[in-house]
C-alpha atoms as a PDB file:
ATOM      1  CA  MET A   1     -18.337  19.042  -0.866  1.00  0.00           C
ATOM      2  CA  SER A   2     -19.476  17.178   2.217  1.00  0.00           C
ATOM      3  CA  GLU A   3     -19.605  18.945   5.567  1.00  0.00           C
ATOM      4  CA  ILE A   4     -16.590  16.939   6.733  1.00  0.00           C
ATOM      5  CA  GLU A   5     -14.539  18.679   3.985  1.00  0.00           C
ATOM      6  CA  TYR A   6     -13.214  15.558   2.303  1.00  0.00           C
ATOM      7  CA  ASP A   7     -14.745  12.802   0.196  1.00  0.00           C
ATOM      8  CA  TYR A   8     -12.343   9.861   0.631  1.00  0.00           C
ATOM      9  CA  VAL A   9      -9.892   8.523   3.200  1.00  0.00           C
ATOM     10  CA  LEU A  10      -6.782   6.554   2.255  1.00  0.00           C
ATOM     11  CA  PHE A  11      -5.322   4.472   5.088  1.00  0.00           C
ATOM     12  CA  ILE A  12      -1.698   3.466   4.419  1.00  0.00           C
ATOM     13  CA  ASP A  13       0.213   0.698   6.165  1.00  0.00           C
ATOM     14  CA  GLU A  14       3.372  -1.188   5.304  1.00  0.00           C
ATOM     15  CA  ALA A  15       5.101  -4.511   5.757  1.00  0.00           C
ATOM     16  CA  GLY A  16       8.817  -5.115   5.449  1.00  0.00           C
ATOM     17  CA  ASP A  17      11.296  -2.249   5.600  1.00  0.00           C
ATOM     18  CA  ASP A  18      13.114   0.167   3.304  1.00  0.00           C
ATOM     19  CA  GLY A  19      16.693  -0.796   4.202  1.00  0.00           C
ATOM     20  CA  LEU A  20      19.015  -1.185   1.201  1.00  0.00           C
ATOM     21  CA  LYS A  21      22.518  -1.607   2.643  1.00  0.00           C
ATOM     22  CA  LYS A  22      22.064  -5.354   3.062  1.00  0.00           C
ATOM     23  CA  VAL A  23      19.104  -7.273   1.645  1.00  0.00           C
ATOM     24  CA  MET A  24      17.861 -10.801   2.156  1.00  0.00           C
ATOM     25  CA  PRO A  25      18.263 -13.440   0.846  1.00  0.00           C
ATOM     26  CA  ILE A  26      21.589 -12.156  -0.544  1.00  0.00           C
ATOM     27  CA  ASP A  27      22.667 -11.197   2.971  1.00  0.00           C
ATOM     28  CA  LYS A  28      21.600 -13.489   5.793  1.00  0.00           C
ATOM     29  CA  ASP A  29      21.524 -10.590   8.246  1.00  0.00           C
ATOM     30  CA  GLY A  30      20.030  -8.175   5.715  1.00  0.00           C
ATOM     31  CA  SER A  31      16.820  -6.190   5.742  1.00  0.00           C
ATOM     32  CA  SER A  32      13.647  -7.603   4.224  1.00  0.00           C
ATOM     33  CA  GLU A  33      13.685  -8.586   0.555  1.00  0.00           C
ATOM     34  CA  TRP A  34      10.395  -6.735   0.039  1.00  0.00           C
ATOM     35  CA  LEU A  35       8.819  -3.459   1.025  1.00  0.00           C
ATOM     36  CA  VAL A  36       5.043  -3.681   0.675  1.00  0.00           C
ATOM     37  CA  LEU A  37       2.768  -0.649   0.985  1.00  0.00           C
ATOM     38  CA  SER A  38      -1.000  -0.963   0.976  1.00  0.00           C
ATOM     39  CA  GLY A  39      -3.528   1.825   0.802  1.00  0.00           C
ATOM     40  CA  LEU A  40      -7.135   1.109   1.731  1.00  0.00           C
ATOM     41  CA  LEU A  41      -9.540   3.658   0.288  1.00  0.00           C
ATOM     42  CA  VAL A  42     -12.949   4.317   1.854  1.00  0.00           C
ATOM     43  CA  ARG A  43     -15.572   6.952   1.201  1.00  0.00           C
ATOM     44  CA  ALA A  44     -15.628   9.702   3.805  1.00  0.00           C
ATOM     45  CA  GLU A  45     -19.121   8.751   4.932  1.00  0.00           C
ATOM     46  CA  ASP A  46     -17.809   5.270   5.767  1.00  0.00           C
ATOM     47  CA  GLU A  47     -14.812   6.401   7.821  1.00  0.00           C
ATOM     48  CA  GLY A  48     -16.812   6.121  11.040  1.00  0.00           C
ATOM     49  CA  ARG A  49     -17.831   2.576  10.133  1.00  0.00           C
ATOM     50  CA  CYS A  50     -14.238   1.301  10.145  1.00  0.00           C
ATOM     51  CA  ARG A  51     -14.436   0.536  13.872  1.00  0.00           C
ATOM     52  CA  GLU A  52     -17.652  -1.403  13.332  1.00  0.00           C
ATOM     53  CA  TRP A  53     -16.084  -3.345  10.470  1.00  0.00           C
ATOM     54  CA  LEU A  54     -12.945  -4.131  12.456  1.00  0.00           C
ATOM     55  CA  ASP A  55     -14.875  -5.212  15.545  1.00  0.00           C
ATOM     56  CA  SER A  56     -17.037  -7.457  13.382  1.00  0.00           C
ATOM     57  CA  ILE A  57     -13.948  -9.199  12.003  1.00  0.00           C
ATOM     58  CA  ARG A  58     -12.349  -9.546  15.433  1.00  0.00           C
ATOM     59  CA  THR A  59     -15.538 -10.989  16.910  1.00  0.00           C
ATOM     60  CA  ASP A  60     -16.062 -13.409  14.030  1.00  0.00           C
ATOM     61  CA  ILE A  61     -12.534 -14.841  14.266  1.00  0.00           C
ATOM     62  CA  ASP A  62     -12.390 -14.637  18.073  1.00  0.00           C
ATOM     63  CA  ALA A  63      -9.445 -12.214  18.144  1.00  0.00           C
ATOM     64  CA  LEU A  64     -10.536 -10.174  21.145  1.00  0.00           C
ATOM     65  CA  GLN A  65      -7.641 -10.822  23.514  1.00  0.00           C
ATOM     66  CA  SER A  66      -5.831  -7.676  22.397  1.00  0.00           C
ATOM     67  CA  GLY A  67      -7.231  -4.270  21.615  1.00  0.00           C
ATOM     68  CA  VAL A  68      -5.332  -4.243  18.301  1.00  0.00           C
ATOM     69  CA  LEU A  69      -5.637  -6.681  15.406  1.00  0.00           C
ATOM     70  CA  HIS A  70      -2.311  -7.840  13.936  1.00  0.00           C
ATOM     71  CA  PHE A  71      -2.853  -9.976  10.849  1.00  0.00           C
ATOM     72  CA  ARG A  72       0.550 -11.661  10.973  1.00  0.00           C
ATOM     73  CA  LYS A  73      -0.176 -13.065  14.437  1.00  0.00           C
ATOM     74  CA  LEU A  74      -3.402 -14.835  13.404  1.00  0.00           C
ATOM     75  CA  SER A  75      -3.710 -18.529  12.656  1.00  0.00           C
ATOM     76  CA  PRO A  76      -4.069 -19.501   8.970  1.00  0.00           C
ATOM     77  CA  SER A  77      -7.804 -20.176   9.294  1.00  0.00           C
ATOM     78  CA  LYS A  78      -8.379 -16.815  10.995  1.00  0.00           C
ATOM     79  CA  LYS A  79      -6.332 -15.061   8.316  1.00  0.00           C
ATOM     80  CA  ILE A  80      -8.503 -16.570   5.589  1.00  0.00           C
ATOM     81  CA  ARG A  81     -11.693 -15.490   7.320  1.00  0.00           C
ATOM     82  CA  ALA A  82     -10.378 -11.993   8.082  1.00  0.00           C
ATOM     83  CA  ALA A  83      -9.344 -11.530   4.435  1.00  0.00           C
ATOM     84  CA  GLU A  84     -12.713 -12.832   3.271  1.00  0.00           C
ATOM     85  CA  MET A  85     -14.593 -10.367   5.471  1.00  0.00           C
ATOM     86  CA  LEU A  86     -12.371  -7.480   4.348  1.00  0.00           C
ATOM     87  CA  SER A  87     -13.060  -8.415   0.719  1.00  0.00           C
ATOM     88  CA  GLU A  88     -16.780  -7.905   1.304  1.00  0.00           C
ATOM     89  CA  LEU A  89     -16.456  -4.292   2.474  1.00  0.00           C
ATOM     90  CA  PRO A  90     -17.109  -1.205   0.298  1.00  0.00           C
ATOM     91  CA  VAL A  91     -13.413  -0.325   0.018  1.00  0.00           C
ATOM     92  CA  ARG A  92     -10.699  -0.321  -2.632  1.00  0.00           C
ATOM     93  CA  CYS A  93      -7.158  -1.557  -2.146  1.00  0.00           C
ATOM     94  CA  PHE A  94      -3.905  -0.372  -3.740  1.00  0.00           C
ATOM     95  CA  THR A  95      -0.696  -2.302  -3.078  1.00  0.00           C
ATOM     96  CA  VAL A  96       2.891  -1.714  -4.190  1.00  0.00           C
ATOM     97  CA  CYS A  97       5.308  -4.640  -3.807  1.00  0.00           C
ATOM     98  CA  SER A  98       8.906  -3.518  -4.217  1.00  0.00           C
ATOM     99  CA  ASN A  99      11.553  -6.213  -4.509  1.00  0.00           C
ATOM    100  CA  LYS A 100      14.785  -4.724  -3.206  1.00  0.00           C
ATOM    101  CA  LYS A 101      17.407  -7.208  -4.400  1.00  0.00           C
ATOM    102  CA  ASN A 102      18.352  -5.067  -7.397  1.00  0.00           C
ATOM    103  CA  MET A 103      18.567  -2.014  -5.105  1.00  0.00           C
ATOM    104  CA  ARG A 104      21.011  -3.619  -2.652  1.00  0.00           C
ATOM    105  CA  GLY A 105      23.734  -1.153  -1.710  1.00  0.00           C
ATOM    106  CA  TYR A 106      22.331   1.553  -3.955  1.00  0.00           C
ATOM    107  CA  ASN A 107      22.467   5.145  -2.812  1.00  0.00           C
ATOM    108  CA  ASN A 108      20.900   8.292  -4.214  1.00  0.00           C
ATOM    109  CA  PRO A 109      23.431  11.099  -3.690  1.00  0.00           C
ATOM    110  CA  ARG A 110      21.170  13.804  -5.160  1.00  0.00           C
ATOM    111  CA  ALA A 111      18.305  12.886  -2.829  1.00  0.00           C
ATOM    112  CA  ALA A 112      20.657  12.691   0.152  1.00  0.00           C
ATOM    113  CA  GLN A 113      22.118  16.086  -0.714  1.00  0.00           C
ATOM    114  CA  ALA A 114      18.599  17.508  -0.768  1.00  0.00           C
ATOM    115  CA  GLY A 115      18.114  16.252   2.778  1.00  0.00           C
ATOM    116  CA  SER A 116      16.007  13.193   2.097  1.00  0.00           C
ATOM    117  CA  LYS A 117      17.400  10.249   4.040  1.00  0.00           C
ATOM    118  CA  GLN A 118      14.381   8.135   3.135  1.00  0.00           C
ATOM    119  CA  TRP A 119      14.305   8.673  -0.609  1.00  0.00           C
ATOM    120  CA  PHE A 120      13.511   5.029  -1.364  1.00  0.00           C
ATOM    121  CA  TYR A 121      10.511   4.971   0.985  1.00  0.00           C
ATOM    122  CA  ASN A 122       9.294   8.272  -0.470  1.00  0.00           C
ATOM    123  CA  TRP A 123       9.554   6.856  -3.975  1.00  0.00           C
ATOM    124  CA  VAL A 124       7.468   3.750  -3.138  1.00  0.00           C
ATOM    125  CA  VAL A 125       4.862   5.964  -1.449  1.00  0.00           C
ATOM    126  CA  ARG A 126       4.805   8.075  -4.597  1.00  0.00           C
ATOM    127  CA  VAL A 127       4.044   5.008  -6.718  1.00  0.00           C
ATOM    128  CA  LEU A 128       1.131   4.201  -4.416  1.00  0.00           C
ATOM    129  CA  MET A 129      -0.154   7.777  -4.377  1.00  0.00           C
ATOM    130  CA  GLU A 130      -0.047   8.050  -8.160  1.00  0.00           C
ATOM    131  CA  ARG A 131      -2.516   5.165  -8.436  1.00  0.00           C
ATOM    132  CA  ALA A 132      -4.747   6.115  -5.518  1.00  0.00           C
ATOM    133  CA  THR A 133      -5.089   9.788  -6.485  1.00  0.00           C
ATOM    134  CA  THR A 134      -5.813   8.894 -10.114  1.00  0.00           C
ATOM    135  CA  PHE A 135      -8.532   6.506  -8.976  1.00  0.00           C
ATOM    136  CA  CYS A 136     -10.021   9.152  -6.669  1.00  0.00           C
ATOM    137  CA  LEU A 137      -9.990  11.808  -9.358  1.00  0.00           C
ATOM    138  CA  ASN A 138     -11.757   9.581 -11.878  1.00  0.00           C
ATOM    139  CA  ASN A 139     -14.247   8.299  -9.311  1.00  0.00           C
ATOM    140  CA  SER A 140     -15.089  11.742  -7.951  1.00  0.00           C
ATOM    141  CA  MET A 141     -15.586  13.201 -11.423  1.00  0.00           C
ATOM    142  CA  ARG A 142     -18.173  10.483 -12.059  1.00  0.00           C
ATOM    143  CA  ARG A 143     -19.826  10.918  -8.651  1.00  0.00           C
ATOM    144  CA  PHE A 144     -19.693  14.690  -8.185  1.00  0.00           C
ATOM    145  CA  GLY A 145     -18.644  16.194 -11.484  1.00  0.00           C
ATOM    146  CA  ARG A 146     -15.612  17.708  -9.721  1.00  0.00           C
ATOM    147  CA  PRO A 147     -12.314  16.538  -8.189  1.00  0.00           C
ATOM    148  CA  GLY A 148     -12.952  15.132  -4.710  1.00  0.00           C
ATOM    149  CA  LYS A 149     -10.670  15.645  -1.742  1.00  0.00           C
ATOM    150  CA  MET A 150      -8.804  12.766  -0.131  1.00  0.00           C
ATOM    151  CA  LYS A 151      -7.656  12.533   3.465  1.00  0.00           C
ATOM    152  CA  VAL A 152      -4.483  10.453   3.855  1.00  0.00           C
ATOM    153  CA  LEU A 153      -3.634   8.712   7.106  1.00  0.00           C
ATOM    154  CA  PHE A 154      -0.326   6.873   7.494  1.00  0.00           C
ATOM    155  CA  SER A 155       0.322   4.212  10.102  1.00  0.00           C
ATOM    156  CA  SER A 156       3.349   5.839  11.712  1.00  0.00           C
ATOM    157  CA  ARG A 157       6.556   3.839  11.960  1.00  0.00           C
ATOM    158  CA  GLY A 158       9.728   4.768  13.809  1.00  0.00           C
ATOM    159  CA  GLY A 159      12.455   6.163  11.593  1.00  0.00           C
ATOM    160  CA  HIS A 160      10.207   7.719   8.974  1.00  0.00           C
ATOM    161  CA  SER A 161       9.804  11.467   8.558  1.00  0.00           C
ATOM    162  CA  TYR A 162       6.403  12.090   7.015  1.00  0.00           C
ATOM    163  CA  GLY A 163       7.356  15.755   6.752  1.00  0.00           C
ATOM    164  CA  GLN A 164      10.046  14.665   4.269  1.00  0.00           C
ATOM    165  CA  THR A 165       7.420  12.698   2.363  1.00  0.00           C
ATOM    166  CA  LYS A 166       5.176  15.748   2.017  1.00  0.00           C
ATOM    167  CA  ALA A 167       8.173  17.891   1.058  1.00  0.00           C
ATOM    168  CA  TYR A 168       8.941  15.386  -1.709  1.00  0.00           C
ATOM    169  CA  TRP A 169       5.347  15.621  -2.949  1.00  0.00           C
ATOM    170  CA  GLU A 170       5.636  19.399  -3.033  1.00  0.00           C
ATOM    171  CA  LYS A 171       8.766  19.153  -5.203  1.00  0.00           C
ATOM    172  CA  LEU A 172       6.822  16.956  -7.609  1.00  0.00           C
ATOM    173  CA  ARG A 173       3.890  19.358  -7.604  1.00  0.00           C
ATOM    174  CA  VAL A 174       5.965  22.472  -8.237  1.00  0.00           C
ATOM    175  CA  GLY A 175       8.471  20.867 -10.578  1.00  0.00           C
ATOM    176  CA  GLY A 176       5.924  18.981 -12.630  1.00  0.00           C
ATOM    177  CA  ARG A 177       6.490  15.694 -14.424  1.00  0.00           C
ATOM    178  CA  PRO A 178       7.819  14.837 -17.916  1.00  0.00           C
ATOM    179  CA  LEU A 179       5.103  14.832 -20.574  1.00  0.00           C
ATOM    180  CA  LEU A 180       5.900  11.253 -21.531  1.00  0.00           C
ATOM    181  CA  ASP A 181       5.541  10.031 -17.941  1.00  0.00           C
ATOM    182  CA  ARG A 182       2.108   8.402 -17.872  1.00  0.00           C
ATOM    183  CA  ARG A 183       1.782   8.359 -14.062  1.00  0.00           C
ATOM    184  CA  GLN A 184       1.630  11.318 -11.723  1.00  0.00           C
ATOM    185  CA  ILE A 185       0.174  12.235  -8.359  1.00  0.00           C
ATOM    186  CA  ARG A 186      -3.100  14.039  -9.028  1.00  0.00           C
ATOM    187  CA  PHE A 187      -2.748  16.980  -6.698  1.00  0.00           C
ATOM    188  CA  GLU A 188      -6.309  18.095  -7.475  1.00  0.00           C
ATOM    189  CA  VAL A 189      -7.492  15.611  -4.844  1.00  0.00           C
ATOM    190  CA  LEU A 190      -4.782  16.301  -2.241  1.00  0.00           C
ATOM    191  CA  SER A 191      -4.608  18.828   0.558  1.00  0.00           C
ATOM    192  CA  TYR A 192      -1.552  18.674   2.816  1.00  0.00           C
ATOM    193  CA  ARG A 193      -3.595  19.665   5.857  1.00  0.00           C
ATOM    194  CA  LEU A 194      -5.549  16.429   5.332  1.00  0.00           C
ATOM    195  CA  VAL A 195      -2.372  14.292   5.516  1.00  0.00           C
ATOM    196  CA  ASP A 196      -1.480  12.882   8.913  1.00  0.00           C
ATOM    197  CA  TYR A 197       0.267   9.963  10.574  1.00  0.00           C
ATOM    198  CA  VAL A 198      -0.793   8.209  13.754  1.00  0.00           C
ATOM    199  CA  PRO A 199       0.074   4.965  15.555  1.00  0.00           C
ATOM    200  CA  HIS A 200      -1.501   1.830  14.146  1.00  0.00           C
ATOM    201  CA  TYR A 201      -3.775   1.297  17.129  1.00  0.00           C
ATOM    202  CA  LEU A 202      -5.411   4.730  17.021  1.00  0.00           C
ATOM    203  CA  HIS A 203      -7.603   4.156  13.975  1.00  0.00           C
ATOM    204  CA  ALA A 204      -9.474   1.029  12.952  1.00  0.00           C
ATOM    205  CA  GLY A 205      -8.926   1.938   9.298  1.00  0.00           C
ATOM    206  CA  LEU A 206      -5.176   1.516   9.720  1.00  0.00           C
ATOM    207  CA  GLN A 207      -5.677  -1.942  11.201  1.00  0.00           C
ATOM    208  CA  LEU A 208      -7.813  -2.852   8.181  1.00  0.00           C
ATOM    209  CA  ALA A 209      -5.010  -1.586   5.934  1.00  0.00           C
ATOM    210  CA  ASP A 210      -2.638  -3.833   7.894  1.00  0.00           C
ATOM    211  CA  LEU A 211      -4.709  -6.836   6.799  1.00  0.00           C
ATOM    212  CA  SER A 212      -4.018  -5.952   3.191  1.00  0.00           C
ATOM    213  CA  ALA A 213      -0.330  -5.066   3.596  1.00  0.00           C
ATOM    214  CA  SER A 214       0.391  -8.198   5.610  1.00  0.00           C
ATOM    215  CA  ALA A 215      -1.594 -10.472   3.287  1.00  0.00           C
ATOM    216  CA  PHE A 216       0.381  -9.312   0.257  1.00  0.00           C
ATOM    217  CA  TYR A 217       3.660  -9.414   2.158  1.00  0.00           C
ATOM    218  CA  GLN A 218       3.057 -13.048   3.070  1.00  0.00           C
ATOM    219  CA  ALA A 219       2.284 -13.740  -0.592  1.00  0.00           C
ATOM    220  CA  VAL A 220       5.739 -12.564  -1.711  1.00  0.00           C
ATOM    221  CA  ASP A 221       7.912 -13.449   1.284  1.00  0.00           C
ATOM    222  CA  THR A 222       8.816 -16.965   0.188  1.00  0.00           C
ATOM    223  CA  ASN A 223      11.739 -17.080   2.635  1.00  0.00           C
ATOM    224  CA  SER A 224       9.238 -17.318   5.477  1.00  0.00           C
ATOM    225  CA  THR A 225       7.614 -20.485   6.752  1.00  0.00           C
ATOM    226  CA  LYS A 226       4.358 -18.459   6.728  1.00  0.00           C
ATOM    227  CA  TRP A 227       4.457 -17.892   2.973  1.00  0.00           C
ATOM    228  CA  ALA A 228       0.973 -18.206   1.468  1.00  0.00           C
ATOM    229  CA  ILE A 229      -0.875 -16.558  -1.415  1.00  0.00           C
ATOM    230  CA  ASP A 230      -4.416 -17.492  -0.409  1.00  0.00           C
ATOM    231  CA  TYR A 231      -4.914 -14.486   1.862  1.00  0.00           C
ATOM    232  CA  ALA A 232      -3.976 -11.967  -0.824  1.00  0.00           C
ATOM    233  CA  LYS A 233      -6.012 -13.817  -3.451  1.00  0.00           C
ATOM    234  CA  MET A 234      -9.010 -13.559  -1.157  1.00  0.00           C
ATOM    235  CA  LEU A 235      -8.795  -9.766  -1.468  1.00  0.00           C
ATOM    236  CA  THR A 236      -9.341  -9.832  -5.254  1.00  0.00           C
ATOM    237  CA  PRO A 237     -12.855  -8.274  -5.105  1.00  0.00           C
ATOM    238  CA  ILE A 238     -11.543  -5.063  -3.527  1.00  0.00           C
ATOM    239  CA  VAL A 239      -8.285  -4.623  -5.449  1.00  0.00           C
ATOM    240  CA  ALA A 240      -8.624  -1.515  -7.618  1.00  0.00           C
ATOM    241  CA  ARG A 241      -8.751  -1.816 -11.396  1.00  0.00           C
ATOM    242  CA  ALA A 242      -8.314   0.493 -14.366  1.00  0.00           C
ATOM    243  CA  ASN A 243      -9.981  -0.482 -17.650  1.00  0.00           C
ATOM    244  CA  GLY A 244     -10.717  -3.873 -16.129  1.00  0.00           C
ATOM    245  CA  SER A 245      -7.081  -4.596 -15.265  1.00  0.00           C
ATOM    246  CA  PHE A 246      -5.493  -4.957 -11.829  1.00  0.00           C
ATOM    247  CA  THR A 247      -1.917  -4.666 -13.065  1.00  0.00           C
ATOM    248  CA  ASP A 248      -0.155  -1.378 -12.459  1.00  0.00           C
ATOM    249  CA  MET A 249      -3.197   0.004 -10.657  1.00  0.00           C
ATOM    250  CA  GLY A 250      -4.475  -2.022  -7.706  1.00  0.00           C
ATOM    251  CA  ILE A 251      -1.381  -4.223  -7.637  1.00  0.00           C
ATOM    252  CA  VAL A 252       2.038  -2.857  -8.632  1.00  0.00           C
ATOM    253  CA  LEU A 253       5.242  -4.866  -8.903  1.00  0.00           C
ATOM    254  CA  GLN A 254       8.490  -2.918  -8.727  1.00  0.00           C
ATOM    255  CA  PRO A 255      10.731  -3.121 -10.586  1.00  0.00           C
ATOM    256  CA  HIS A 256       8.136  -3.925 -13.240  1.00  0.00           C
ATOM    257  CA  TRP A 257      10.663  -5.419 -15.636  1.00  0.00           C
ATOM    258  CA  ILE A 258      11.952  -8.016 -13.232  1.00  0.00           C
ATOM    259  CA  ASP A 259      11.544 -11.558 -14.586  1.00  0.00           C
ATOM    260  CA  SER A 260      14.411 -13.857 -13.689  1.00  0.00           C
ATOM    261  CA  GLY A 261      14.882 -12.037 -10.388  1.00  0.00           C
ATOM    262  CA  LEU A 262      11.704 -13.578  -8.923  1.00  0.00           C
ATOM    263  CA  ASN A 263      11.351 -17.235  -8.153  1.00  0.00           C
ATOM    264  CA  SER A 264       8.355 -19.200  -9.410  1.00  0.00           C
ATOM    265  CA  GLU A 265       6.572 -19.000  -6.063  1.00  0.00           C
ATOM    266  CA  GLN A 266       6.958 -15.225  -5.845  1.00  0.00           C
ATOM    267  CA  LYS A 267       5.461 -14.845  -9.306  1.00  0.00           C
ATOM    268  CA  LEU A 268       2.241 -16.664  -8.388  1.00  0.00           C
ATOM    269  CA  ILE A 269       0.407 -13.786  -6.728  1.00  0.00           C
ATOM    270  CA  PHE A 270       1.300 -11.389  -9.540  1.00  0.00           C
ATOM    271  CA  GLN A 271       0.193 -13.891 -12.166  1.00  0.00           C
ATOM    272  CA  HIS A 272      -3.118 -14.166 -10.336  1.00  0.00           C
ATOM    273  CA  PHE A 273      -3.591 -10.429 -10.857  1.00  0.00           C
ATOM    274  CA  GLY A 274      -2.674 -10.537 -14.544  1.00  0.00           C
ATOM    275  CA  TYR A 275       1.078 -10.066 -14.677  1.00  0.00           C
ATOM    276  CA  LYS A 276       2.887 -12.011 -17.382  1.00  0.00           C
ATOM    277  CA  PHE A 277       6.518 -13.073 -17.092  1.00  0.00           C
ATOM    278  CA  TYR A 278       8.802 -13.924 -19.976  1.00  0.00           C
ATOM    279  CA  ASN A 279      12.162 -15.621 -19.887  1.00  0.00           C
ATOM    280  CA  LYS A 280      15.041 -13.381 -20.913  1.00  0.00           C
END
């Protein structure tokens, strides 16, 4: 293993929120219709280059007024260029887009009884981690002939307990998963001491992950006047694939069976990445 004791870094950022009590557009004063999580995976030897990459993007698009890059605040032309430059980097992107309309008002009494007040957020993170850890395991076996280790860095948000998230992972690890469940977190590549959460502005890698999360959020948030799919489409070269397919690996739609629940505009970005929708 490398001297820095890990082989990959996964930077995780989010767009939207995990509120379920009221959900737009059903409720005008509800929480966001979507929760989008993006993980940007880099090799450990490239972690120190994230600042260089970010500064290059900021300089190119003349976004130097602030010390932090916020994708959603950029003009459309700057968003296109930022996404284009991100797509040229040696990184891989994993994104989970969870549409919450069918979850409106839902509660999970068992999870709440176990002390997890953020069970829905933990579940979406799990979906992301299942894909990212599987990718890392397969990639490291090819590169090193052994499971690599992955550092995980969350962009911290108020209201989330990342201790609860790790506790949830531990329950999955100890309890195991059903044999017929094709997806699981590959704990061979995880070490809890390599999981941390810091404010967005403290690591350039988290700001790069924000570009991905925000680009995909804008591609599904058709209630916004800023809706656009071009930014997310621009990221196609770095979206992770399995057996040549983006679906259910680099781009995940939840719930996966939803057809009539999405409007035609919301389906566009998923169709671009290979999803097929059928009328019920």
